[in-house]
């Protein structure tokens, strides 16, 4: 866990990989619940038997499920002391570069690309989030994520 004590300490890390998270296992139950929440019931995600004969040889997580883990990755890996609130501000670019079969373990590499003060007491951060699948030869997802934090010391 990387703990920032101030926004200036955070800004000093621009251009650096700040954290690598612990592994998270993707379960069929997660995939099914995500399908229920989003209405995306495509068989490559929710029908394990049919998916075995499909192009990936097993059911795979939705790309957007993988993407939705970004807040969890930040919770596991980065904290700003004194911040009273943090919010997701959006995404600039997202690519799903390889599938995540159910049962896989994923983690994220968090690289701080930019910071921008938000007066009177906030900071906007631009992060490169690279989601890796254990044993995979390329990332599962690469996203530029924007977040905002309010209330920490400057």
N, C-alpha and C. Protein backbone atom coordinates (compact mmCIF):
# COMPACT_ATOMS: atom_id res chain seq x y z
N UNK A 1 0.86 -1.18 0.00
CA UNK A 1 0.00 0.00 0.00
C UNK A 1 0.90 1.24 0.00
N UNK A 2 0.69 2.11 -0.97
CA UNK A 2 1.40 3.39 -1.01
C UNK A 2 0.53 4.43 -0.32
N UNK A 3 1.08 5.05 0.70
CA UNK A 3 0.36 6.08 1.44
C UNK A 3 1.01 7.42 1.15
N UNK A 4 0.22 8.34 0.61
CA UNK A 4 0.68 9.70 0.39
C UNK A 4 0.28 10.53 1.60
N UNK A 5 1.19 11.39 2.06
CA UNK A 5 0.93 12.25 3.21
C UNK A 5 0.52 13.66 2.79
N UNK A 6 0.67 13.95 1.50
CA UNK A 6 0.29 15.27 0.98
C UNK A 6 0.17 15.18 -0.54
N UNK A 7 -0.48 16.17 -1.12
CA UNK A 7 -0.58 16.22 -2.57
C UNK A 7 0.77 16.51 -3.21
N UNK A 8 1.62 17.27 -2.53
CA UNK A 8 2.95 17.54 -3.09
C UNK A 8 3.78 16.25 -3.15
N UNK A 9 3.64 15.41 -2.13
CA UNK A 9 4.32 14.11 -2.15
C UNK A 9 3.81 13.27 -3.32
N UNK A 10 2.50 13.32 -3.56
CA UNK A 10 1.92 12.59 -4.67
C UNK A 10 2.46 13.13 -6.00
N UNK A 11 2.46 14.43 -6.17
CA UNK A 11 2.91 15.04 -7.42
C UNK A 11 4.37 14.69 -7.73
N UNK A 12 5.16 14.48 -6.70
CA UNK A 12 6.56 14.10 -6.90
C UNK A 12 6.70 12.72 -7.54
N UNK A 13 5.62 11.95 -7.57
CA UNK A 13 5.65 10.60 -8.13
C UNK A 13 5.17 10.55 -9.58
N UNK A 14 4.85 11.68 -10.18
CA UNK A 14 4.41 11.68 -11.58
C UNK A 14 5.48 11.02 -12.44
N UNK A 15 5.02 10.12 -13.31
CA UNK A 15 5.92 9.40 -14.19
C UNK A 15 6.41 8.08 -13.61
N UNK A 16 6.01 7.76 -12.40
CA UNK A 16 6.48 6.55 -11.73
C UNK A 16 5.37 5.51 -11.56
N UNK A 17 5.76 4.26 -11.57
CA UNK A 17 4.84 3.21 -11.13
C UNK A 17 4.76 3.32 -9.62
N UNK A 18 3.57 3.59 -9.12
CA UNK A 18 3.37 3.86 -7.69
C UNK A 18 3.07 2.59 -6.91
N UNK A 19 2.34 1.66 -7.53
CA UNK A 19 1.94 0.46 -6.79
C UNK A 19 1.60 -0.68 -7.74
N UNK A 20 1.76 -1.88 -7.21
CA UNK A 20 1.28 -3.10 -7.86
C UNK A 20 0.38 -3.77 -6.83
N UNK A 21 -0.85 -4.08 -7.20
CA UNK A 21 -1.81 -4.61 -6.24
C UNK A 21 -1.59 -6.10 -5.99
N UNK A 22 -2.29 -6.58 -4.97
CA UNK A 22 -2.38 -8.02 -4.76
C UNK A 22 -3.26 -8.61 -5.87
N UNK A 23 -3.19 -9.92 -6.00
CA UNK A 23 -4.00 -10.63 -6.99
C UNK A 23 -5.45 -10.75 -6.52
N UNK A 24 -6.36 -10.69 -7.47
CA UNK A 24 -7.79 -10.91 -7.23
C UNK A 24 -8.23 -12.04 -8.17
N UNK A 25 -8.92 -13.04 -7.62
CA UNK A 25 -9.42 -14.16 -8.43
C UNK A 25 -10.79 -13.81 -9.00
N UNK A 26 -10.97 -14.04 -10.29
CA UNK A 26 -12.24 -13.81 -10.96
C UNK A 26 -13.06 -15.10 -10.91
N UNK A 27 -14.24 -15.04 -10.31
CA UNK A 27 -15.07 -16.23 -10.15
C UNK A 27 -16.27 -16.20 -11.11
N UNK A 28 -16.83 -17.37 -11.34
CA UNK A 28 -18.04 -17.44 -12.17
C UNK A 28 -19.18 -16.69 -11.50
N UNK A 29 -19.24 -16.75 -10.18
CA UNK A 29 -20.29 -16.01 -9.46
C UNK A 29 -20.19 -14.50 -9.74
N UNK A 30 -18.97 -13.95 -9.70
CA UNK A 30 -18.79 -12.52 -10.03
C UNK A 30 -19.29 -12.23 -11.44
N UNK A 31 -18.90 -13.08 -12.37
CA UNK A 31 -19.30 -12.88 -13.77
C UNK A 31 -20.82 -12.93 -13.89
N UNK A 32 -21.46 -13.89 -13.24
CA UNK A 32 -22.91 -14.01 -13.30
C UNK A 32 -23.60 -12.79 -12.68
N UNK A 33 -23.08 -12.33 -11.54
CA UNK A 33 -23.67 -11.15 -10.90
C UNK A 33 -23.49 -9.91 -11.77
N UNK A 34 -22.34 -9.80 -12.41
CA UNK A 34 -22.11 -8.67 -13.31
C UNK A 34 -23.08 -8.74 -14.49
N UNK A 35 -23.31 -9.93 -15.01
CA UNK A 35 -24.27 -10.10 -16.10
C UNK A 35 -25.67 -9.68 -15.67
N UNK A 36 -26.05 -10.05 -14.45
CA UNK A 36 -27.36 -9.63 -13.93
C UNK A 36 -27.44 -8.11 -13.81
N UNK A 37 -26.40 -7.51 -13.29
CA UNK A 37 -26.40 -6.07 -13.06
C UNK A 37 -26.45 -5.28 -14.36
N UNK A 38 -25.81 -5.80 -15.41
CA UNK A 38 -25.68 -5.04 -16.66
C UNK A 38 -26.61 -5.53 -17.77
N UNK A 39 -27.16 -6.71 -17.62
CA UNK A 39 -28.00 -7.27 -18.68
C UNK A 39 -27.20 -7.90 -19.80
N UNK A 40 -25.89 -8.05 -19.63
CA UNK A 40 -25.03 -8.66 -20.66
C UNK A 40 -24.87 -10.15 -20.32
N UNK A 41 -25.75 -10.96 -20.91
CA UNK A 41 -25.77 -12.39 -20.63
C UNK A 41 -25.18 -13.21 -21.78
N UNK A 42 -24.23 -12.65 -22.51
CA UNK A 42 -23.63 -13.37 -23.63
C UNK A 42 -23.03 -14.68 -23.13
N UNK A 43 -23.23 -15.75 -23.90
CA UNK A 43 -22.85 -17.09 -23.48
C UNK A 43 -21.37 -17.24 -23.18
N UNK A 44 -20.50 -16.46 -23.80
CA UNK A 44 -19.07 -16.61 -23.51
C UNK A 44 -18.75 -16.22 -22.06
N UNK A 45 -19.70 -15.57 -21.40
CA UNK A 45 -19.53 -15.19 -20.01
C UNK A 45 -20.28 -16.10 -19.04
N UNK A 46 -21.52 -16.44 -19.37
CA UNK A 46 -22.41 -17.05 -18.38
C UNK A 46 -22.78 -18.50 -18.63
N UNK A 47 -22.34 -19.09 -19.73
CA UNK A 47 -22.66 -20.49 -20.01
C UNK A 47 -21.35 -21.29 -20.06
N UNK A 48 -20.89 -21.78 -18.91
CA UNK A 48 -19.59 -22.47 -18.87
C UNK A 48 -19.49 -23.65 -19.83
N UNK A 49 -20.53 -24.41 -19.98
CA UNK A 49 -20.46 -25.58 -20.87
C UNK A 49 -20.29 -25.14 -22.33
N UNK A 50 -21.09 -24.23 -22.76
CA UNK A 50 -20.99 -23.75 -24.15
C UNK A 50 -19.66 -23.02 -24.35
N UNK A 51 -19.23 -22.27 -23.34
CA UNK A 51 -17.99 -21.51 -23.46
C UNK A 51 -16.77 -22.42 -23.61
N UNK A 52 -16.82 -23.62 -23.04
CA UNK A 52 -15.70 -24.57 -23.19
C UNK A 52 -15.42 -24.86 -24.66
N UNK A 53 -16.48 -24.87 -25.48
CA UNK A 53 -16.32 -25.15 -26.90
C UNK A 53 -16.15 -23.86 -27.71
N UNK A 54 -16.13 -22.73 -27.04
CA UNK A 54 -16.02 -21.45 -27.72
C UNK A 54 -14.59 -21.04 -28.00
N UNK A 55 -14.41 -19.83 -28.46
CA UNK A 55 -13.09 -19.38 -28.91
C UNK A 55 -12.04 -19.25 -27.80
N UNK A 56 -12.46 -19.18 -26.54
CA UNK A 56 -11.51 -19.00 -25.45
C UNK A 56 -11.32 -20.27 -24.61
N UNK A 57 -12.11 -21.32 -24.90
CA UNK A 57 -11.98 -22.59 -24.21
C UNK A 57 -12.53 -22.62 -22.80
N UNK A 58 -13.13 -21.51 -22.37
CA UNK A 58 -13.69 -21.39 -21.03
C UNK A 58 -14.50 -20.10 -20.99
N UNK A 59 -15.37 -19.95 -19.99
CA UNK A 59 -16.05 -18.65 -19.86
C UNK A 59 -15.03 -17.57 -19.50
N UNK A 60 -15.29 -16.36 -19.98
CA UNK A 60 -14.40 -15.24 -19.69
C UNK A 60 -15.17 -14.12 -19.01
N UNK A 61 -14.45 -13.32 -18.25
CA UNK A 61 -15.05 -12.14 -17.61
C UNK A 61 -15.39 -11.11 -18.68
N UNK A 62 -16.44 -10.37 -18.44
CA UNK A 62 -16.76 -9.23 -19.29
C UNK A 62 -15.59 -8.25 -19.24
N UNK A 63 -15.29 -7.61 -20.36
CA UNK A 63 -14.27 -6.57 -20.33
C UNK A 63 -14.61 -5.49 -19.33
N UNK A 64 -15.90 -5.12 -19.29
CA UNK A 64 -16.31 -4.06 -18.37
C UNK A 64 -16.27 -4.52 -16.91
N UNK A 65 -16.35 -5.82 -16.66
CA UNK A 65 -16.14 -6.32 -15.29
C UNK A 65 -14.68 -6.08 -14.89
N UNK A 66 -13.78 -6.43 -15.78
CA UNK A 66 -12.36 -6.19 -15.52
C UNK A 66 -12.12 -4.70 -15.27
N UNK A 67 -12.69 -3.86 -16.10
CA UNK A 67 -12.55 -2.41 -15.94
C UNK A 67 -13.14 -1.94 -14.61
N UNK A 68 -14.26 -2.54 -14.20
CA UNK A 68 -14.93 -2.10 -12.97
C UNK A 68 -14.13 -2.43 -11.71
N UNK A 69 -13.09 -3.22 -11.85
CA UNK A 69 -12.23 -3.53 -10.70
C UNK A 69 -11.26 -2.40 -10.37
N UNK A 70 -11.16 -1.40 -11.24
CA UNK A 70 -10.20 -0.32 -11.00
C UNK A 70 -10.38 0.33 -9.63
N UNK A 71 -11.59 0.69 -9.20
CA UNK A 71 -11.70 1.27 -7.85
C UNK A 71 -11.20 0.33 -6.76
N UNK A 72 -11.44 -0.95 -6.92
CA UNK A 72 -10.96 -1.92 -5.92
C UNK A 72 -9.43 -1.96 -5.91
N UNK A 73 -8.83 -1.91 -7.10
CA UNK A 73 -7.37 -1.90 -7.16
C UNK A 73 -6.81 -0.68 -6.43
N UNK A 74 -7.44 0.48 -6.64
CA UNK A 74 -6.96 1.67 -5.93
C UNK A 74 -7.14 1.52 -4.42
N UNK A 75 -8.25 0.95 -4.00
CA UNK A 75 -8.49 0.74 -2.57
C UNK A 75 -7.43 -0.16 -1.96
N UNK A 76 -6.98 -1.14 -2.72
CA UNK A 76 -5.97 -2.07 -2.24
C UNK A 76 -4.56 -1.47 -2.20
N UNK A 77 -4.32 -0.44 -3.03
CA UNK A 77 -2.93 -0.06 -3.27
C UNK A 77 -2.53 1.38 -2.95
N UNK A 78 -3.48 2.32 -2.90
CA UNK A 78 -3.11 3.72 -2.76
C UNK A 78 -4.05 4.40 -1.77
N UNK A 79 -3.47 5.23 -0.89
CA UNK A 79 -4.28 6.01 0.04
C UNK A 79 -3.62 7.38 0.22
N UNK A 80 -4.45 8.39 0.38
CA UNK A 80 -3.96 9.74 0.66
C UNK A 80 -4.42 10.12 2.06
N UNK A 81 -3.47 10.24 2.99
CA UNK A 81 -3.82 10.60 4.36
C UNK A 81 -4.47 11.98 4.39
N UNK A 82 -5.51 12.09 5.18
CA UNK A 82 -6.19 13.36 5.36
C UNK A 82 -7.25 13.67 4.33
N UNK A 83 -7.30 12.91 3.25
CA UNK A 83 -8.34 13.16 2.24
C UNK A 83 -9.69 12.79 2.83
N UNK A 84 -10.65 13.66 2.67
CA UNK A 84 -11.98 13.39 3.20
C UNK A 84 -12.87 12.67 2.19
N UNK A 85 -12.45 12.72 0.91
CA UNK A 85 -13.28 12.10 -0.13
C UNK A 85 -12.46 11.91 -1.40
N UNK A 86 -12.72 10.82 -2.09
CA UNK A 86 -12.16 10.59 -3.41
C UNK A 86 -13.26 10.16 -4.35
N UNK A 87 -13.17 10.55 -5.61
CA UNK A 87 -14.19 10.18 -6.59
C UNK A 87 -13.53 9.76 -7.90
N UNK A 88 -14.19 8.86 -8.60
CA UNK A 88 -13.80 8.53 -9.97
C UNK A 88 -14.28 9.67 -10.85
N UNK A 89 -13.42 10.18 -11.70
CA UNK A 89 -13.79 11.30 -12.55
C UNK A 89 -14.02 10.86 -14.00
N UNK A 90 -13.49 9.70 -14.36
CA UNK A 90 -13.74 9.20 -15.71
C UNK A 90 -12.54 8.48 -16.28
N UNK A 91 -12.61 8.24 -17.56
CA UNK A 91 -11.57 7.52 -18.28
C UNK A 91 -11.27 8.26 -19.58
N UNK A 92 -10.01 8.28 -19.95
CA UNK A 92 -9.64 8.88 -21.23
C UNK A 92 -9.52 7.84 -22.32
N UNK A 93 -9.02 6.67 -21.99
CA UNK A 93 -8.79 5.64 -23.00
C UNK A 93 -8.83 4.28 -22.31
N UNK A 94 -9.47 3.33 -22.96
CA UNK A 94 -9.57 1.97 -22.42
C UNK A 94 -9.39 0.98 -23.57
N UNK A 95 -8.60 -0.05 -23.33
CA UNK A 95 -8.46 -1.15 -24.28
C UNK A 95 -8.49 -2.46 -23.52
N UNK A 96 -9.23 -3.43 -24.07
CA UNK A 96 -9.28 -4.79 -23.53
C UNK A 96 -8.39 -5.64 -24.44
N UNK A 97 -7.17 -5.88 -24.01
CA UNK A 97 -6.16 -6.43 -24.91
C UNK A 97 -6.01 -7.95 -24.85
N UNK A 98 -6.61 -8.60 -23.85
CA UNK A 98 -6.65 -10.06 -23.82
C UNK A 98 -7.76 -10.51 -22.87
N UNK A 99 -8.31 -11.71 -23.12
CA UNK A 99 -9.42 -12.19 -22.28
C UNK A 99 -8.96 -12.59 -20.88
N UNK A 100 -9.93 -12.61 -19.96
CA UNK A 100 -9.69 -13.04 -18.59
C UNK A 100 -10.60 -14.24 -18.32
N UNK A 101 -10.08 -15.47 -18.47
CA UNK A 101 -10.90 -16.64 -18.20
C UNK A 101 -11.32 -16.70 -16.73
N UNK A 102 -12.52 -17.19 -16.49
CA UNK A 102 -12.99 -17.39 -15.12
C UNK A 102 -11.98 -18.28 -14.39
N UNK A 103 -11.68 -17.93 -13.17
CA UNK A 103 -10.68 -18.64 -12.38
C UNK A 103 -9.31 -17.98 -12.43
N UNK A 104 -9.14 -17.03 -13.34
CA UNK A 104 -7.87 -16.31 -13.44
C UNK A 104 -7.69 -15.38 -12.26
N UNK A 105 -6.43 -15.05 -12.02
CA UNK A 105 -6.10 -14.02 -11.04
C UNK A 105 -5.58 -12.80 -11.80
N UNK A 106 -6.06 -11.64 -11.38
CA UNK A 106 -5.65 -10.38 -12.01
C UNK A 106 -5.11 -9.44 -10.94
N UNK A 107 -4.26 -8.53 -11.37
CA UNK A 107 -3.76 -7.47 -10.51
C UNK A 107 -3.53 -6.25 -11.39
N UNK A 108 -3.27 -5.12 -10.74
CA UNK A 108 -3.06 -3.89 -11.50
C UNK A 108 -1.72 -3.26 -11.14
N UNK A 109 -1.12 -2.66 -12.15
CA UNK A 109 0.04 -1.79 -11.99
C UNK A 109 -0.48 -0.37 -12.16
N UNK A 110 -0.19 0.50 -11.19
CA UNK A 110 -0.71 1.86 -11.17
C UNK A 110 0.44 2.83 -11.36
N UNK A 111 0.42 3.53 -12.48
CA UNK A 111 1.44 4.52 -12.80
C UNK A 111 0.79 5.89 -12.82
N UNK A 112 1.33 6.80 -12.03
CA UNK A 112 0.79 8.16 -11.97
C UNK A 112 1.34 8.96 -13.16
N UNK A 113 0.44 9.40 -14.03
CA UNK A 113 0.84 10.12 -15.23
C UNK A 113 0.83 11.63 -15.06
N UNK A 114 -0.11 12.15 -14.26
CA UNK A 114 -0.21 13.60 -14.10
C UNK A 114 -1.02 13.92 -12.85
N UNK A 115 -0.77 15.10 -12.30
CA UNK A 115 -1.59 15.65 -11.22
C UNK A 115 -1.92 17.09 -11.57
N UNK A 116 -3.07 17.53 -11.07
CA UNK A 116 -3.51 18.90 -11.32
C UNK A 116 -4.26 19.39 -10.07
N UNK A 117 -3.81 20.49 -9.48
CA UNK A 117 -4.51 21.01 -8.30
C UNK A 117 -5.95 21.39 -8.62
N UNK A 118 -6.82 21.15 -7.66
CA UNK A 118 -8.22 21.56 -7.75
C UNK A 118 -8.52 22.44 -6.55
N UNK A 119 -8.41 23.75 -6.71
CA UNK A 119 -8.65 24.64 -5.56
C UNK A 119 -10.07 24.46 -5.02
N UNK A 120 -10.28 24.57 -3.70
CA UNK A 120 -9.28 25.04 -2.76
C UNK A 120 -8.42 23.94 -2.13
N UNK A 121 -8.88 22.67 -2.15
CA UNK A 121 -8.13 21.65 -1.40
C UNK A 121 -8.15 20.28 -2.08
N UNK A 122 -8.13 20.27 -3.41
CA UNK A 122 -8.23 19.00 -4.10
C UNK A 122 -7.11 18.77 -5.09
N UNK A 123 -7.11 17.56 -5.66
CA UNK A 123 -6.12 17.18 -6.65
C UNK A 123 -6.79 16.22 -7.63
N UNK A 124 -6.55 16.45 -8.92
CA UNK A 124 -6.96 15.49 -9.94
C UNK A 124 -5.73 14.71 -10.37
N UNK A 125 -5.90 13.38 -10.45
CA UNK A 125 -4.81 12.51 -10.85
C UNK A 125 -5.18 11.77 -12.13
N UNK A 126 -4.21 11.62 -13.00
CA UNK A 126 -4.36 10.78 -14.19
C UNK A 126 -3.45 9.58 -13.99
N UNK A 127 -4.05 8.40 -14.01
CA UNK A 127 -3.34 7.15 -13.74
C UNK A 127 -3.38 6.25 -14.98
N UNK A 128 -2.27 5.61 -15.27
CA UNK A 128 -2.26 4.51 -16.22
C UNK A 128 -2.45 3.24 -15.40
N UNK A 129 -3.54 2.53 -15.68
CA UNK A 129 -3.85 1.29 -14.96
C UNK A 129 -3.68 0.14 -15.95
N UNK A 130 -2.75 -0.73 -15.63
CA UNK A 130 -2.49 -1.90 -16.46
C UNK A 130 -2.90 -3.13 -15.69
N UNK A 131 -3.97 -3.78 -16.14
CA UNK A 131 -4.48 -4.98 -15.47
C UNK A 131 -3.82 -6.20 -16.11
N UNK A 132 -3.11 -6.96 -15.29
CA UNK A 132 -2.41 -8.15 -15.74
C UNK A 132 -3.16 -9.40 -15.30
N UNK A 133 -3.12 -10.42 -16.15
CA UNK A 133 -3.63 -11.74 -15.78
C UNK A 133 -2.44 -12.62 -15.46
N UNK A 134 -2.49 -13.29 -14.32
CA UNK A 134 -1.39 -14.16 -13.94
C UNK A 134 -1.13 -15.18 -15.04
N UNK A 135 0.11 -15.25 -15.50
CA UNK A 135 0.47 -16.18 -16.56
C UNK A 135 0.18 -15.68 -17.96
N UNK A 136 -0.45 -14.52 -18.07
CA UNK A 136 -0.78 -13.97 -19.38
C UNK A 136 0.44 -13.34 -20.03
N UNK A 137 0.45 -13.32 -21.36
CA UNK A 137 1.59 -12.75 -22.05
C UNK A 137 1.41 -11.28 -22.41
N UNK A 138 0.20 -10.76 -22.20
CA UNK A 138 -0.03 -9.33 -22.38
C UNK A 138 -1.14 -8.89 -21.43
N UNK A 139 -1.26 -7.59 -21.19
CA UNK A 139 -2.28 -7.12 -20.24
C UNK A 139 -3.70 -7.51 -20.68
N UNK A 140 -4.56 -7.64 -19.69
CA UNK A 140 -5.98 -7.90 -19.96
C UNK A 140 -6.69 -6.60 -20.30
N UNK A 141 -6.27 -5.52 -19.64
CA UNK A 141 -6.91 -4.22 -19.83
C UNK A 141 -5.88 -3.14 -19.56
N UNK A 142 -5.92 -2.10 -20.37
CA UNK A 142 -5.09 -0.93 -20.14
C UNK A 142 -6.02 0.27 -20.20
N UNK A 143 -6.01 1.08 -19.14
CA UNK A 143 -6.94 2.21 -19.07
C UNK A 143 -6.24 3.43 -18.48
N UNK A 144 -6.61 4.58 -18.98
CA UNK A 144 -6.18 5.84 -18.37
C UNK A 144 -7.35 6.32 -17.53
N UNK A 145 -7.15 6.32 -16.22
CA UNK A 145 -8.21 6.59 -15.26
C UNK A 145 -7.97 7.94 -14.59
N UNK A 146 -9.03 8.72 -14.46
CA UNK A 146 -8.97 10.01 -13.79
C UNK A 146 -9.68 9.90 -12.44
N UNK A 147 -9.02 10.40 -11.41
CA UNK A 147 -9.65 10.41 -10.10
C UNK A 147 -9.39 11.77 -9.45
N UNK A 148 -10.25 12.08 -8.49
CA UNK A 148 -10.13 13.33 -7.76
C UNK A 148 -10.15 13.04 -6.27
N UNK A 149 -9.35 13.79 -5.55
CA UNK A 149 -9.27 13.67 -4.11
C UNK A 149 -9.44 15.05 -3.52
N UNK A 150 -10.13 15.12 -2.38
CA UNK A 150 -10.40 16.41 -1.74
C UNK A 150 -10.04 16.34 -0.26
N UNK A 151 -9.38 17.40 0.21
CA UNK A 151 -9.19 17.58 1.63
C UNK A 151 -7.83 17.23 2.20
N UNK A 152 -6.93 16.65 1.43
CA UNK A 152 -5.61 16.30 1.97
C UNK A 152 -4.72 17.55 2.02
N UNK A 153 -3.66 17.50 2.80
CA UNK A 153 -2.73 18.64 2.83
C UNK A 153 -2.09 18.85 1.47
N UNK A 154 -1.83 20.10 1.14
CA UNK A 154 -1.19 20.42 -0.13
C UNK A 154 0.24 19.93 -0.12
